[in-house]
């Protein structure tokens, strides 16, 4: 996630592993970089401040409009923004006519987005079970809960590493049959918590509904399918003599996709690892921004130095 911490009155955007991503992107004056998940704009802003140029992509028109309103005039001529799916990254870069030295994917959603209750992304804010990052997407989380059979719901939650995928799916289908299906984010969070407590689980730092919400968001926005297409598109447009691709993941499912793809490229001689093992946030960052604790950074360099 492009995470941040939640203050008493507002949400403060804090890009995850900022120093590490900037170091390994190797920002060069006037070179072009792609921030494939603009979100709160933290990484884009830092690249621009270091003299780079940025093609910034986000499915969320609100995120794009917010950044342009705040920073557009300051960086005029050095930033291009696109409201669209980063699965189309190859087309966007080709249409922009730029040579790209580095690409960053920060997978997930900004807390600025999660704080908008109408999106239904947060279980701490009352809102509809929507979860769409792109309002033009047809199916919402509520639609999935209404139509999927028990086995499919269980599989969906299991993809999010939910240990109680089967009992949660069973309970939701039973609630659906009796007309008691959760209708809001708070209702669903309480529902999942109830299953946990009936199974004897006690409170922990992670809210019981975390994985269920994440699994629904991933399916609604087709994030795994988009990630495969995004990585392939990045390979097509990055400089083949030293172009760098960095991916910040926040869940084992997306991390497996990135790790598998990078290993394939390296084995085929197309790329080299920037660092062999994934990087994780330091203790100080996790203390300041607890939501960063699940982040992993992976990176490759194409061709030569």
Protein backbone atom coordinates (compact mmCIF):
# COMPACT_ATOMS: atom_id res chain seq x y z
CA UNK A 1 0.00 0.00 0.00
CA UNK A 2 1.03 3.54 -0.47
CA UNK A 3 0.62 3.85 3.20
CA UNK A 4 0.23 6.61 5.67
CA UNK A 5 -0.66 7.04 9.28
CA UNK A 6 -3.96 8.19 10.58
CA UNK A 7 -3.87 11.27 12.76
CA UNK A 8 -6.61 12.53 14.99
CA UNK A 9 -7.96 14.94 12.40
CA UNK A 10 -6.57 13.91 9.04
CA UNK A 11 -4.68 11.39 7.00
CA UNK A 12 -1.00 12.09 6.31
CA UNK A 13 0.45 10.42 3.23
CA UNK A 14 3.74 8.60 3.82
CA UNK A 15 5.20 6.76 0.84
CA UNK A 16 6.60 3.40 1.87
CA UNK A 17 10.36 2.69 1.63
CA UNK A 18 10.95 6.03 -0.08
CA UNK A 19 14.72 6.18 0.41
CA UNK A 20 15.18 2.61 -0.84
CA UNK A 21 13.09 3.12 -3.96
CA UNK A 22 14.87 6.35 -4.85
CA UNK A 23 18.28 4.76 -4.31
CA UNK A 24 17.58 1.76 -6.53
CA UNK A 25 15.74 3.74 -9.22
CA UNK A 26 18.98 5.71 -9.54
CA UNK A 27 17.27 9.01 -10.42
CA UNK A 28 19.06 10.95 -13.15
CA UNK A 29 18.50 14.55 -14.17
CA UNK A 30 15.80 14.89 -16.86
CA UNK A 31 15.44 11.12 -17.35
CA UNK A 32 11.89 9.73 -17.50
CA UNK A 33 10.43 7.45 -14.83
CA UNK A 34 7.00 5.87 -14.51
CA UNK A 35 5.13 5.89 -11.22
CA UNK A 36 2.57 3.25 -12.13
CA UNK A 37 0.47 3.83 -8.98
CA UNK A 38 0.35 7.57 -8.29
CA UNK A 39 -1.90 7.35 -5.22
CA UNK A 40 -0.95 10.09 -2.77
CA UNK A 41 1.92 11.18 -5.01
CA UNK A 42 4.76 10.70 -2.53
CA UNK A 43 7.09 8.76 -4.81
CA UNK A 44 6.32 10.93 -7.84
CA UNK A 45 6.99 14.10 -5.87
CA UNK A 46 10.34 12.77 -4.63
CA UNK A 47 11.45 11.77 -8.13
CA UNK A 48 10.56 15.22 -9.45
CA UNK A 49 12.39 16.91 -6.58
CA UNK A 50 15.53 15.01 -7.58
CA UNK A 51 15.36 16.27 -11.14
CA UNK A 52 13.65 13.35 -12.83
CA UNK A 53 10.64 13.52 -15.13
CA UNK A 54 7.58 11.39 -14.37
CA UNK A 55 4.80 9.69 -16.25
CA UNK A 56 2.30 9.06 -13.43
CA UNK A 57 -0.57 6.58 -13.79
CA UNK A 58 -3.56 5.91 -11.58
CA UNK A 59 -6.98 4.32 -12.12
CA UNK A 60 -8.42 6.76 -9.63
CA UNK A 61 -9.27 10.08 -11.27
CA UNK A 62 -9.48 11.71 -7.83
CA UNK A 63 -5.84 10.86 -7.14
CA UNK A 64 -4.74 12.31 -10.47
CA UNK A 65 -6.80 15.49 -10.03
CA UNK A 66 -5.56 15.94 -6.46
CA UNK A 67 -1.92 15.74 -7.48
CA UNK A 68 -2.34 18.12 -10.42
CA UNK A 69 -4.15 20.62 -8.23
CA UNK A 70 -1.42 20.50 -5.59
CA UNK A 71 1.71 20.16 -7.73
CA UNK A 72 0.83 20.52 -11.41
CA UNK A 73 2.00 24.11 -11.85
CA UNK A 74 5.16 23.54 -9.83
CA UNK A 75 6.36 20.73 -12.09
CA UNK A 76 4.82 21.86 -15.39
CA UNK A 77 6.63 20.30 -18.35
CA UNK A 78 8.21 17.58 -16.24
CA UNK A 79 5.19 15.45 -15.44
CA UNK A 80 2.60 13.66 -17.53
CA UNK A 81 -0.42 12.15 -15.79
CA UNK A 82 -2.73 9.45 -17.07
CA UNK A 83 -5.97 8.29 -15.51
CA UNK A 84 -6.06 4.65 -16.52
CA UNK A 85 -5.13 1.06 -15.74
CA UNK A 86 -1.39 0.46 -15.43
CA UNK A 87 -1.91 -2.84 -17.24
CA UNK A 88 -1.81 -0.56 -20.32
CA UNK A 89 1.59 0.86 -19.36
CA UNK A 90 3.24 -0.10 -22.65
CA UNK A 91 0.63 1.77 -24.67
CA UNK A 92 0.79 4.84 -22.41
CA UNK A 93 4.58 5.08 -22.68
CA UNK A 94 4.56 4.57 -26.42
CA UNK A 95 1.88 7.23 -26.90
CA UNK A 96 3.84 9.66 -24.68
CA UNK A 97 6.90 9.15 -26.89
CA UNK A 98 9.36 9.04 -23.99
CA UNK A 99 12.33 6.80 -23.19
CA UNK A 100 11.89 5.31 -19.73
CA UNK A 101 14.85 4.75 -17.41
CA UNK A 102 12.90 3.33 -14.48
CA UNK A 103 9.46 2.13 -13.45
CA UNK A 104 8.01 1.85 -9.96
CA UNK A 105 4.93 -0.12 -8.98
CA UNK A 106 3.63 0.56 -5.47
CA UNK A 107 0.86 -2.03 -5.33
CA UNK A 108 -2.22 -1.19 -3.33
CA UNK A 109 -4.12 1.90 -2.37
CA UNK A 110 -3.24 5.10 -0.59
CA UNK A 111 -4.68 5.76 2.84
CA UNK A 112 -5.92 9.01 1.32
CA UNK A 113 -8.12 6.78 -0.84
CA UNK A 114 -9.01 4.47 2.04
CA UNK A 115 -10.10 7.46 4.08
CA UNK A 116 -12.85 8.22 1.57
CA UNK A 117 -15.65 6.22 3.17
CA UNK A 118 -17.71 5.97 -0.02
CA UNK A 119 -15.05 3.70 -1.56
CA UNK A 120 -15.62 1.00 1.04
CA UNK A 121 -11.92 0.19 1.34
CA UNK A 122 -11.60 0.64 5.09
CA UNK A 123 -13.22 -1.39 7.84
CA UNK A 124 -12.78 1.54 10.24
CA UNK A 125 -14.98 3.88 8.16
CA UNK A 126 -18.71 3.35 7.56
CA UNK A 127 -19.34 3.00 3.85
CA UNK A 128 -20.85 0.84 1.12
CA UNK A 129 -19.20 -2.43 0.14
CA UNK A 130 -17.83 -0.96 -3.07
CA UNK A 131 -14.00 -1.26 -3.11
CA UNK A 132 -13.60 -0.14 -6.74
CA UNK A 133 -10.48 1.94 -7.40
CA UNK A 134 -11.97 2.79 -10.79
CA UNK A 135 -15.61 3.87 -10.61
CA UNK A 136 -16.23 2.52 -14.11
CA UNK A 137 -15.57 -1.05 -12.97
CA UNK A 138 -18.87 -2.90 -13.13
CA UNK A 139 -18.76 -5.26 -10.15
CA UNK A 140 -18.48 -4.18 -6.51
CA UNK A 141 -17.60 -6.18 -3.40
CA UNK A 142 -21.29 -6.25 -2.50
CA UNK A 143 -22.03 -7.84 -5.89
CA UNK A 144 -19.48 -10.59 -5.20
CA UNK A 145 -21.00 -11.35 -1.80
CA UNK A 146 -24.45 -11.49 -3.39
CA UNK A 147 -23.68 -13.83 -6.27
CA UNK A 148 -20.71 -16.10 -5.52
CA UNK A 149 -21.45 -19.62 -4.22
CA UNK A 150 -19.84 -20.77 -1.00
CA UNK A 151 -16.92 -22.61 -2.61
CA UNK A 152 -16.01 -19.64 -4.78
CA UNK A 153 -16.17 -17.26 -1.83
CA UNK A 154 -13.92 -19.58 0.17
CA UNK A 155 -11.43 -19.73 -2.71
CA UNK A 156 -11.48 -15.95 -3.01
CA UNK A 157 -10.69 -15.48 0.69
CA UNK A 158 -8.05 -18.21 0.58
CA UNK A 159 -6.27 -16.29 -2.19
CA UNK A 160 -5.94 -13.52 0.39
CA UNK A 161 -4.31 -15.97 2.84
CA UNK A 162 -7.38 -15.91 5.07
CA UNK A 163 -7.05 -18.87 7.52
CA UNK A 164 -10.81 -18.99 8.17
CA UNK A 165 -11.80 -18.75 4.50
CA UNK A 166 -14.19 -21.70 4.63
CA UNK A 167 -16.13 -20.83 7.81
CA UNK A 168 -16.38 -17.15 6.81
CA UNK A 169 -17.71 -18.09 3.37
CA UNK A 170 -20.18 -20.54 4.91
CA UNK A 171 -21.42 -17.95 7.41
CA UNK A 172 -21.86 -15.33 4.67
CA UNK A 173 -23.91 -17.68 2.49
CA UNK A 174 -26.09 -18.60 5.45
CA UNK A 175 -26.59 -14.90 6.18
CA UNK A 176 -27.46 -14.31 2.53
CA UNK A 177 -30.14 -17.00 2.61
CA UNK A 178 -31.75 -15.44 5.67
CA UNK A 179 -31.53 -11.86 4.38
CA UNK A 180 -28.85 -10.82 6.90
CA UNK A 181 -25.91 -10.29 4.53
CA UNK A 182 -23.66 -7.39 5.65
CA UNK A 183 -24.39 -4.23 3.65
CA UNK A 184 -21.68 -1.83 4.87
CA UNK A 185 -17.97 -1.94 5.65
CA UNK A 186 -18.61 -1.77 9.39
CA UNK A 187 -21.19 -4.56 9.14
CA UNK A 188 -18.79 -6.83 7.24
CA UNK A 189 -15.91 -6.12 9.63
CA UNK A 190 -18.13 -6.99 12.60
CA UNK A 191 -19.42 -10.09 10.82
CA UNK A 192 -15.92 -11.45 10.14
CA UNK A 193 -14.83 -10.58 13.69
CA UNK A 194 -17.78 -12.59 14.98
CA UNK A 195 -16.64 -15.67 13.06
CA UNK A 196 -13.15 -15.28 14.50
CA UNK A 197 -14.35 -14.98 18.06
CA UNK A 198 -16.70 -17.94 17.73
CA UNK A 199 -13.70 -19.97 16.59
CA UNK A 200 -11.79 -18.99 19.70
CA UNK A 201 -9.46 -16.41 18.20
CA UNK A 202 -8.57 -13.45 20.38
CA UNK A 203 -7.62 -9.89 19.55
CA UNK A 204 -4.30 -9.16 17.85
CA UNK A 205 -2.66 -6.18 16.17
CA UNK A 206 -4.21 -7.22 12.85
CA UNK A 207 -7.96 -6.67 12.57
CA UNK A 208 -9.74 -9.99 11.83
CA UNK A 209 -11.30 -8.54 8.68
CA UNK A 210 -8.01 -7.38 7.14
CA UNK A 211 -7.50 -10.33 4.78
CA UNK A 212 -11.17 -10.56 3.77
CA UNK A 213 -11.24 -6.89 2.78
CA UNK A 214 -7.97 -7.25 0.91
CA UNK A 215 -9.14 -10.35 -0.97
CA UNK A 216 -12.36 -8.62 -2.04
CA UNK A 217 -10.49 -5.49 -3.17
CA UNK A 218 -8.03 -7.57 -5.20
CA UNK A 219 -10.83 -9.46 -6.96
CA UNK A 220 -13.00 -6.39 -7.59
CA UNK A 221 -10.09 -4.56 -9.22
CA UNK A 222 -8.62 -7.67 -10.92
CA UNK A 223 -5.27 -6.78 -9.42
CA UNK A 224 -3.50 -10.09 -10.08
CA UNK A 225 -4.46 -10.12 -13.77
CA UNK A 226 -3.45 -6.49 -14.10
CA UNK A 227 -0.10 -7.15 -12.42
CA UNK A 228 0.85 -9.82 -14.95
CA UNK A 229 0.00 -7.49 -17.82
CA UNK A 230 1.77 -4.56 -16.14
CA UNK A 231 5.04 -6.45 -15.72
CA UNK A 232 4.97 -7.64 -19.33
CA UNK A 233 4.26 -4.09 -20.51
CA UNK A 234 7.12 -2.73 -18.42
CA UNK A 235 9.55 -5.16 -20.02
CA UNK A 236 8.44 -3.91 -23.44
CA UNK A 237 9.13 -0.22 -22.82
CA UNK A 238 12.03 0.00 -20.35
CA UNK A 239 15.47 0.87 -21.65
CA UNK A 240 17.20 -2.40 -22.47
CA UNK A 241 20.58 -1.06 -21.41
CA UNK A 242 20.15 -0.50 -17.69
CA UNK A 243 16.43 0.27 -17.28
CA UNK A 244 15.25 -0.49 -13.76
CA UNK A 245 11.97 -1.97 -12.56
CA UNK A 246 11.02 -1.85 -8.87
CA UNK A 247 7.88 -3.34 -7.33
CA UNK A 248 6.58 -2.77 -3.81
CA UNK A 249 4.21 -5.56 -2.76
CA UNK A 250 2.09 -5.88 0.36
CA UNK A 251 0.68 -9.36 0.06
CA UNK A 252 2.15 -12.81 -0.58
CA UNK A 253 -0.02 -13.39 -3.65
CA UNK A 254 1.24 -10.39 -5.57
CA UNK A 255 4.78 -10.94 -4.29
CA UNK A 256 4.76 -14.47 -5.73
CA UNK A 257 3.78 -13.09 -9.15
CA UNK A 258 6.62 -10.54 -9.08
CA UNK A 259 9.21 -13.03 -7.79
CA UNK A 260 8.26 -15.62 -10.43
CA UNK A 261 8.39 -13.09 -13.27
CA UNK A 262 11.73 -11.62 -12.18
CA UNK A 263 13.30 -15.07 -11.82
CA UNK A 264 12.15 -15.99 -15.32
CA UNK A 265 13.67 -12.84 -16.83
CA UNK A 266 16.96 -13.42 -15.01
CA UNK A 267 17.11 -17.09 -16.04
CA UNK A 268 16.54 -16.07 -19.67
CA UNK A 269 19.34 -13.50 -19.50
CA UNK A 270 16.98 -10.55 -20.00
CA UNK A 271 17.66 -8.94 -16.62
CA UNK A 272 19.72 -9.06 -13.45
CA UNK A 273 18.57 -8.74 -9.86
CA UNK A 274 19.31 -5.39 -8.27
CA UNK A 275 19.37 -7.23 -4.93
CA UNK A 276 18.99 -10.96 -4.44
CA UNK A 277 16.48 -10.97 -1.57
CA UNK A 278 13.51 -8.67 -1.18
CA UNK A 279 14.03 -5.57 0.96
CA UNK A 280 11.71 -4.76 3.86
CA UNK A 281 11.10 -1.56 5.85
CA UNK A 282 13.38 -0.81 8.75
CA UNK A 283 12.22 -0.85 12.36
CA UNK A 284 12.01 2.94 12.52
CA UNK A 285 9.71 3.13 9.48
CA UNK A 286 7.43 0.41 10.83
CA UNK A 287 7.17 2.26 14.14
CA UNK A 288 6.22 5.50 12.37
CA UNK A 289 3.97 3.82 9.82
CA UNK A 290 2.73 0.41 11.08
CA UNK A 291 0.90 -0.27 7.82
CA UNK A 292 4.26 -0.55 6.05
CA UNK A 293 5.14 -3.71 7.98
CA UNK A 294 4.04 -6.10 5.21
CA UNK A 295 5.92 -4.29 2.41
CA UNK A 296 8.52 -6.04 0.26
CA UNK A 297 10.62 -4.37 -2.42
CA UNK A 298 11.99 -6.31 -5.40
CA UNK A 299 13.96 -4.94 -8.32
CA UNK A 300 15.68 -5.89 -11.57
CA UNK A 301 17.89 -4.13 -14.11
CA UNK A 302 17.59 -4.90 -17.80
CA UNK A 303 20.63 -5.46 -19.99
CA UNK A 304 23.93 -3.92 -19.00
CA UNK A 305 24.90 -1.34 -16.41
